[in-house]
Amino acid sequence: MDYSKCILKNTLKQTFINDAGISRIQPSWDESRLTCCPLCDGLRFVQTTNEQNYAMLSPCPGQKALRRIDAYNQAGIPARFMEATLNNYDLQNIRNAARVRQFIANIQNFDKDPNGYLLEGGPGTGKTHLLCAAIRFLTLEFGIPCKYIDYSNLLSDIRASYGQNIPEANYIDPIVAVPVLFIDELGKGRDKANDFEIRIIDEIINRRYLNPKLVTMFASNYYDRDTSGYNLYIRNGYNPLSNSPSASLQWKKYAEKSYKKEGFLSVEDYNTFVKQLMGRDHIEDRVSERTASRILVMARAMNIDASDYRLSRQRIDKA
């Protein structure tokens, strides 16, 4: 059967629109020609025969394309990122571009090796672009149901629901069940995560963790303690709880050996950097230790090493 003759697929057009802040695709096609389709006579299903010689109906290529568009429309991609693709991500600003290329390649081969990712990096490094581009690819190329959520917006919506007597489950159950969930801005919120915030993210992560068929991807401005070097420095004698955290002999030896390799001009500069890093919040501080440990089992941590491209763009625009 020559599926290339599918009239619905051949006349199908996709227009990306901003629907109340959400990116959606508005499909259109030549309805008048469908009854002449040599594959389905306008029924949108084709009849095939299986190995046991039983007749079977399956969606035509055009109907499959419409289902993939529906998967995209249900994903909730922010309208600002409606043009984000894996191919137009700017790698010029990335110092570890090889890792990002590997992430892109893994998304393109997701059907063979599905894995979660935790994208870590400062503001403006393109983490949300990569999440939304991945959703676009997985829905439109593979037809995989996905869902994008902003962590802080989810918490705000659940808080607001209490005054309307809407159960938390109305928000949590659908995102727990989706095959591929994308959580952006993980850990964003107040200076100190409260019990409510920790409980909500813990429930979502724990329920998805217990089902290994579900894939979860994250993006965060915070680093986990392994990726940032926090745990490495602890193991090598740095004690952030001490009044003199860099005073141990073990740390002094490590710093003397390591400062040049890490790009510092002096041990003093290196100690200043480490002190600042050890005083920052990490993902483990923004969610519970238990939740963080499960996230790092569910998702491969990947640091996007880049400066804020938005600041660079502002300098170019002002020039």
Protein backbone atom coordinates (compact mmCIF):
# COMPACT_ATOMS: atom_id res chain seq x y z
CA MET A 1 0.00 0.00 0.00
CA ASP A 2 1.38 3.39 -1.03
CA TYR A 3 0.88 5.56 2.06
CA SER A 4 2.42 8.55 0.27
CA LYS A 5 -0.91 9.00 -1.53
CA CYS A 6 -2.75 9.95 1.68
CA ILE A 7 -4.61 13.13 0.74
CA LEU A 8 -5.22 14.21 4.35
CA LYS A 9 -1.49 14.00 5.12
CA ASN A 10 -0.50 15.71 1.85
CA THR A 11 -2.88 18.66 2.29
CA LEU A 12 -2.45 19.03 6.05
CA LYS A 13 -1.07 22.42 7.10
CA GLN A 14 0.15 23.40 10.56
CA THR A 15 -0.14 26.97 11.85
CA PHE A 16 1.45 27.71 15.23
CA ILE A 17 -0.64 30.15 17.28
CA ASN A 18 -0.52 31.83 20.68
CA ASP A 19 -3.59 30.59 22.52
CA ALA A 20 -3.81 32.54 25.79
CA GLY A 21 -0.08 32.22 26.35
CA ILE A 22 0.14 28.58 25.25
CA SER A 23 1.65 27.41 21.96
CA ARG A 24 -0.80 25.42 19.89
CA ILE A 25 -1.04 24.16 16.33
CA GLN A 26 -4.09 25.01 14.26
CA PRO A 27 -4.41 22.28 11.60
CA SER A 28 -6.18 22.78 8.28
CA TRP A 29 -6.63 20.59 5.20
CA ASP A 30 -8.63 20.28 1.98
CA GLU A 31 -11.77 18.53 3.20
CA SER A 32 -13.30 18.49 -0.31
CA ARG A 33 -10.62 16.13 -1.60
CA LEU A 34 -10.81 13.53 1.17
CA THR A 35 -13.60 11.48 -0.41
CA CYS A 36 -11.30 10.92 -3.37
CA CYS A 37 -8.44 9.61 -1.23
CA PRO A 38 -7.18 6.34 -2.79
CA LEU A 39 -6.23 5.03 0.66
CA CYS A 40 -9.33 5.55 2.79
CA ASP A 41 -12.11 7.17 0.68
CA GLY A 42 -12.32 9.89 3.32
CA LEU A 43 -12.83 7.53 6.28
CA ARG A 44 -9.34 8.32 7.69
CA PHE A 45 -8.74 4.62 8.37
CA VAL A 46 -7.16 2.04 6.10
CA GLN A 47 -7.85 -1.67 6.03
CA THR A 48 -4.93 -4.06 6.27
CA THR A 49 -4.54 -7.81 6.79
CA ASN A 50 -2.50 -9.30 9.61
CA GLU A 51 -0.45 -12.51 9.58
CA GLN A 52 -3.52 -14.57 10.50
CA ASN A 53 -5.33 -13.09 7.47
CA TYR A 54 -7.72 -11.05 9.62
CA ALA A 55 -8.80 -7.65 8.32
CA MET A 56 -7.75 -4.75 10.53
CA LEU A 57 -8.44 -1.02 10.53
CA SER A 58 -5.65 1.41 11.36
CA PRO A 59 -5.47 5.22 11.19
CA CYS A 60 -4.32 6.67 7.89
CA PRO A 61 -1.10 8.76 7.88
CA GLY A 62 -3.10 11.98 7.99
CA GLN A 63 -5.10 10.86 11.01
CA LYS A 64 -1.87 9.88 12.77
CA ALA A 65 -0.51 13.36 12.04
CA LEU A 66 -3.62 14.94 13.57
CA ARG A 67 -3.16 12.83 16.69
CA ARG A 68 0.42 14.08 17.00
CA ILE A 69 -0.76 17.65 16.64
CA ASP A 70 -3.26 16.97 19.42
CA ALA A 71 -0.42 15.62 21.60
CA TYR A 72 1.50 18.86 20.98
CA ASN A 73 -1.56 20.98 21.81
CA GLN A 74 -2.07 19.12 25.10
CA ALA A 75 1.55 19.59 26.19
CA GLY A 76 1.20 23.22 27.33
CA ILE A 77 4.36 24.72 25.79
CA PRO A 78 4.63 28.45 26.65
CA ALA A 79 3.87 30.60 23.60
CA ARG A 80 7.24 32.38 23.90
CA PHE A 81 8.87 29.08 22.93
CA MET A 82 6.56 28.09 20.07
CA GLU A 83 9.48 28.35 17.62
CA ALA A 84 11.96 26.46 19.79
CA THR A 85 13.37 23.39 18.03
CA LEU A 86 16.32 21.11 18.59
CA ASN A 87 17.90 22.50 15.42
CA ASN A 88 17.70 26.21 16.29
CA TYR A 89 19.21 26.02 19.78
CA ASP A 90 22.20 28.39 19.82
CA LEU A 91 25.32 26.40 20.67
CA GLN A 92 27.68 29.35 20.11
CA ASN A 93 27.32 30.50 23.71
CA ILE A 94 27.83 27.04 25.26
CA ARG A 95 31.22 26.08 26.67
CA ASN A 96 30.31 22.39 26.94
CA ALA A 97 28.48 22.17 23.63
CA ALA A 98 29.35 18.48 23.15
CA ARG A 99 27.14 17.54 26.10
CA VAL A 100 24.22 19.53 24.73
CA ARG A 101 24.67 17.91 21.32
CA GLN A 102 24.52 14.53 23.06
CA PHE A 103 21.29 15.55 24.82
CA ILE A 104 19.79 16.54 21.45
CA ALA A 105 20.90 13.25 19.90
CA ASN A 106 19.38 11.30 22.79
CA ILE A 107 16.04 13.08 22.34
CA GLN A 108 16.12 12.26 18.63
CA ASN A 109 16.66 8.59 19.54
CA PHE A 110 14.21 8.65 22.45
CA ASP A 111 12.14 5.81 21.03
CA LYS A 112 15.15 3.50 21.35
CA ASP A 113 16.57 4.73 24.68
CA PRO A 114 14.18 6.89 26.75
CA ASN A 115 15.89 8.70 29.62
CA GLY A 116 15.15 11.60 31.92
CA TYR A 117 17.42 14.64 32.21
CA LEU A 118 18.07 17.34 34.78
CA LEU A 119 19.29 20.45 32.97
CA GLU A 120 21.18 22.72 35.37
CA GLY A 121 22.54 26.18 34.68
CA GLY A 122 22.11 29.87 35.32
CA PRO A 123 19.37 32.07 33.86
CA GLY A 124 19.48 32.60 30.11
CA THR A 125 21.40 29.45 29.21
CA GLY A 126 18.56 28.01 27.11
CA LYS A 127 17.24 25.32 29.46
CA THR A 128 13.58 26.11 28.77
CA HIS A 129 14.30 26.25 25.03
CA LEU A 130 15.71 22.71 25.19
CA LEU A 131 12.76 21.41 27.23
CA CYS A 132 10.20 22.89 24.84
CA ALA A 133 12.15 21.77 21.77
CA ALA A 134 12.24 18.25 23.19
CA ILE A 135 8.47 18.31 23.72
CA ARG A 136 7.93 19.52 20.16
CA PHE A 137 10.07 16.69 18.80
CA LEU A 138 8.61 13.92 20.98
CA THR A 139 5.00 14.87 20.25
CA LEU A 140 5.23 15.66 16.53
CA GLU A 141 7.81 13.05 15.53
CA PHE A 142 6.91 10.17 17.85
CA GLY A 143 3.40 11.05 19.02
CA ILE A 144 4.42 10.65 22.68
CA PRO A 145 2.11 12.41 25.17
CA CYS A 146 4.08 15.05 27.10
CA LYS A 147 3.31 17.79 29.60
CA TYR A 148 5.19 20.99 30.45
CA ILE A 149 4.71 22.54 33.88
CA ASP A 150 6.36 25.49 35.57
CA TYR A 151 7.17 24.45 39.13
CA SER A 152 6.29 27.75 40.81
CA ASN A 153 3.11 28.21 38.73
CA LEU A 154 1.94 24.73 39.72
CA LEU A 155 2.40 25.56 43.39
CA SER A 156 0.53 28.85 42.94
CA ASP A 157 -2.37 27.12 41.17
CA ILE A 158 -2.69 24.52 43.92
CA ARG A 159 -2.61 27.21 46.62
CA ALA A 160 -5.34 29.15 44.80
CA SER A 161 -7.46 26.01 44.47
CA TYR A 162 -7.89 25.76 48.24
CA GLY A 163 -10.24 28.75 48.24
CA GLN A 164 -12.29 27.13 45.48
CA ASN A 165 -12.54 23.68 47.12
CA ILE A 166 -10.73 22.05 44.22
CA PRO A 167 -8.86 18.90 45.32
CA GLU A 168 -5.08 18.84 44.89
CA ALA A 169 -5.51 15.58 43.00
CA ASN A 170 -7.11 17.51 40.11
CA TYR A 171 -3.70 19.08 39.49
CA ILE A 172 -1.39 16.28 40.58
CA ASP A 173 -2.99 13.13 39.13
CA PRO A 174 -2.82 14.16 35.44
CA ILE A 175 0.85 15.14 35.59
CA VAL A 176 1.76 12.03 37.56
CA ALA A 177 0.30 9.83 34.81
CA VAL A 178 1.69 11.52 31.67
CA PRO A 179 4.35 9.39 29.89
CA VAL A 180 6.91 12.22 29.70
CA LEU A 181 6.70 15.09 32.19
CA PHE A 182 8.79 18.26 31.90
CA ILE A 183 9.22 20.28 35.11
CA ASP A 184 10.76 23.70 34.53
CA GLU A 185 12.21 26.04 37.19
CA LEU A 186 12.62 23.21 39.71
CA GLY A 187 13.19 24.66 43.18
CA LYS A 188 12.06 28.18 42.28
CA GLY A 189 10.15 29.92 45.04
CA ARG A 190 10.71 31.45 48.43
CA ASP A 191 14.11 31.76 50.05
CA LYS A 192 13.25 28.74 52.18
CA ALA A 193 11.06 25.95 50.79
CA ASN A 194 8.15 25.36 53.15
CA ASP A 195 6.40 22.12 54.09
CA PHE A 196 3.67 22.64 51.47
CA GLU A 197 6.14 23.04 48.59
CA ILE A 198 8.20 20.07 49.71
CA ARG A 199 5.12 17.88 50.14
CA ILE A 200 3.76 18.63 46.65
CA ILE A 201 6.99 18.00 44.74
CA ASP A 202 7.73 14.95 46.90
CA GLU A 203 4.37 13.40 46.02
CA ILE A 204 4.82 14.02 42.29
CA ILE A 205 8.37 12.69 42.18
CA ASN A 206 7.72 9.72 44.45
CA ARG A 207 4.73 8.51 42.44
CA ARG A 208 6.61 8.81 39.17
CA TYR A 209 9.73 7.24 40.66
CA LEU A 210 7.74 4.12 41.55
CA ASN A 211 6.78 3.63 37.88
CA PRO A 212 9.98 3.17 35.82
CA LYS A 213 8.02 3.42 32.56
CA LEU A 214 7.44 7.13 33.19
CA VAL A 215 10.14 9.60 32.11
CA THR A 216 10.67 12.96 33.81
CA MET A 217 12.83 15.85 32.67
CA PHE A 218 13.74 18.89 34.73
CA ALA A 219 15.36 22.28 34.37
CA SER A 220 16.68 24.30 37.29
CA ASN A 221 18.79 27.35 38.06
CA TYR A 222 20.08 25.37 41.03
CA TYR A 223 22.76 22.68 40.87
CA ASP A 224 22.80 19.35 42.61
CA ARG A 225 25.68 18.94 45.06
CA ASP A 226 27.61 16.47 42.92
CA THR A 227 27.48 18.58 39.75
CA SER A 228 28.46 21.83 41.48
CA GLY A 229 31.43 20.26 43.28
CA TYR A 230 29.91 20.68 46.75
CA ASN A 231 30.25 17.01 47.65
CA LEU A 232 33.75 16.83 46.16
CA TYR A 233 34.94 19.70 48.33
CA ILE A 234 33.40 18.12 51.43
CA ARG A 235 35.21 14.87 50.71
CA ASN A 236 38.47 16.77 50.40
CA GLY A 237 38.34 18.45 53.77
CA TYR A 238 36.31 21.63 53.28
CA ASN A 239 33.98 22.07 56.27
CA PRO A 240 31.21 24.65 55.65
CA LEU A 241 30.00 24.28 59.25
CA SER A 242 33.31 25.45 60.69
CA ASN A 243 34.27 29.04 61.48
CA SER A 244 37.40 28.36 59.40
CA PRO A 245 36.06 26.03 56.68
CA SER A 246 39.27 25.97 54.61
CA ALA A 247 41.66 25.53 57.55
CA SER A 248 42.06 21.75 57.54
CA LEU A 249 45.36 20.33 56.34
CA GLN A 250 43.52 18.01 53.97
CA TRP A 251 41.78 20.93 52.28
CA LYS A 252 44.93 23.05 52.08
CA LYS A 253 46.71 20.23 50.24
CA TYR A 254 43.76 19.75 47.89
CA ALA A 255 43.39 23.46 47.15
CA GLU A 256 47.12 23.85 46.46
CA LYS A 257 46.92 20.96 44.00
CA SER A 258 43.65 21.99 42.33
CA TYR A 259 43.39 25.77 42.04
CA LYS A 260 45.28 26.08 38.74
CA LYS A 261 43.43 23.18 37.15
CA GLU A 262 40.14 24.89 37.98
CA GLY A 263 41.26 28.14 36.39
CA PHE A 264 42.18 30.29 39.39
CA LEU A 265 45.27 32.48 39.77
CA SER A 266 45.76 31.81 43.47
CA VAL A 267 44.66 29.56 46.30
CA GLU A 268 43.03 32.61 47.91
CA ASP A 269 40.84 33.20 44.83
CA TYR A 270 39.96 29.52 44.78
CA ASN A 271 38.96 29.53 48.47
CA THR A 272 36.79 32.60 47.91
CA PHE A 273 34.98 30.86 45.04
CA VAL A 274 34.48 27.66 47.05
CA LYS A 275 33.17 29.61 50.04
CA GLN A 276 30.59 31.34 47.85
CA LEU A 277 29.56 28.07 46.21
CA MET A 278 29.17 26.27 49.53
CA GLY A 279 26.92 29.04 50.78
CA ARG A 280 24.49 28.81 47.87
CA ASP A 281 21.30 26.78 47.84
CA HIS A 282 21.45 23.54 45.88
CA ILE A 283 18.60 21.42 44.57
CA GLU A 284 18.87 19.35 47.74
CA ASP A 285 18.11 22.54 49.71
CA ARG A 286 15.12 23.49 47.55
CA VAL A 287 13.38 20.11 47.76
CA SER A 288 13.77 17.37 50.34
CA GLU A 289 16.96 15.27 50.38
CA ARG A 290 14.80 12.23 49.62
CA THR A 291 13.20 13.90 46.61
CA ALA A 292 16.55 15.13 45.29
CA SER A 293 18.07 11.66 45.52
CA ARG A 294 15.17 10.20 43.55
CA ILE A 295 15.37 12.92 40.92
CA LEU A 296 19.03 12.05 40.36
CA VAL A 297 18.07 8.40 39.86
CA MET A 298 15.30 9.33 37.42
CA ALA A 299 17.27 11.92 35.45
CA ARG A 300 20.82 12.43 34.22
CA ALA A 301 22.22 15.70 35.57
CA MET A 302 23.70 17.92 32.86
CA ASN A 303 25.28 21.29 33.53
CA ILE A 304 24.81 23.82 30.72
CA ASP A 305 27.98 25.88 31.02
CA ALA A 306 27.18 29.24 29.45
CA SER A 307 26.76 32.91 30.21
CA ASP A 308 23.33 34.56 30.03
CA TYR A 309 22.73 34.89 26.28
CA ARG A 310 19.96 37.43 26.96
CA LEU A 311 22.52 39.90 28.32
CA SER A 312 24.65 39.35 25.23
CA ARG A 313 21.62 39.99 23.03
CA GLN A 314 20.86 43.22 24.91
CA ARG A 315 24.44 44.45 24.33
CA ILE A 316 24.14 43.64 20.61
CA ASP A 317 20.77 45.39 20.34
CA LYS A 318 22.15 48.54 22.02
CA ALA A 319 25.28 48.66 19.85
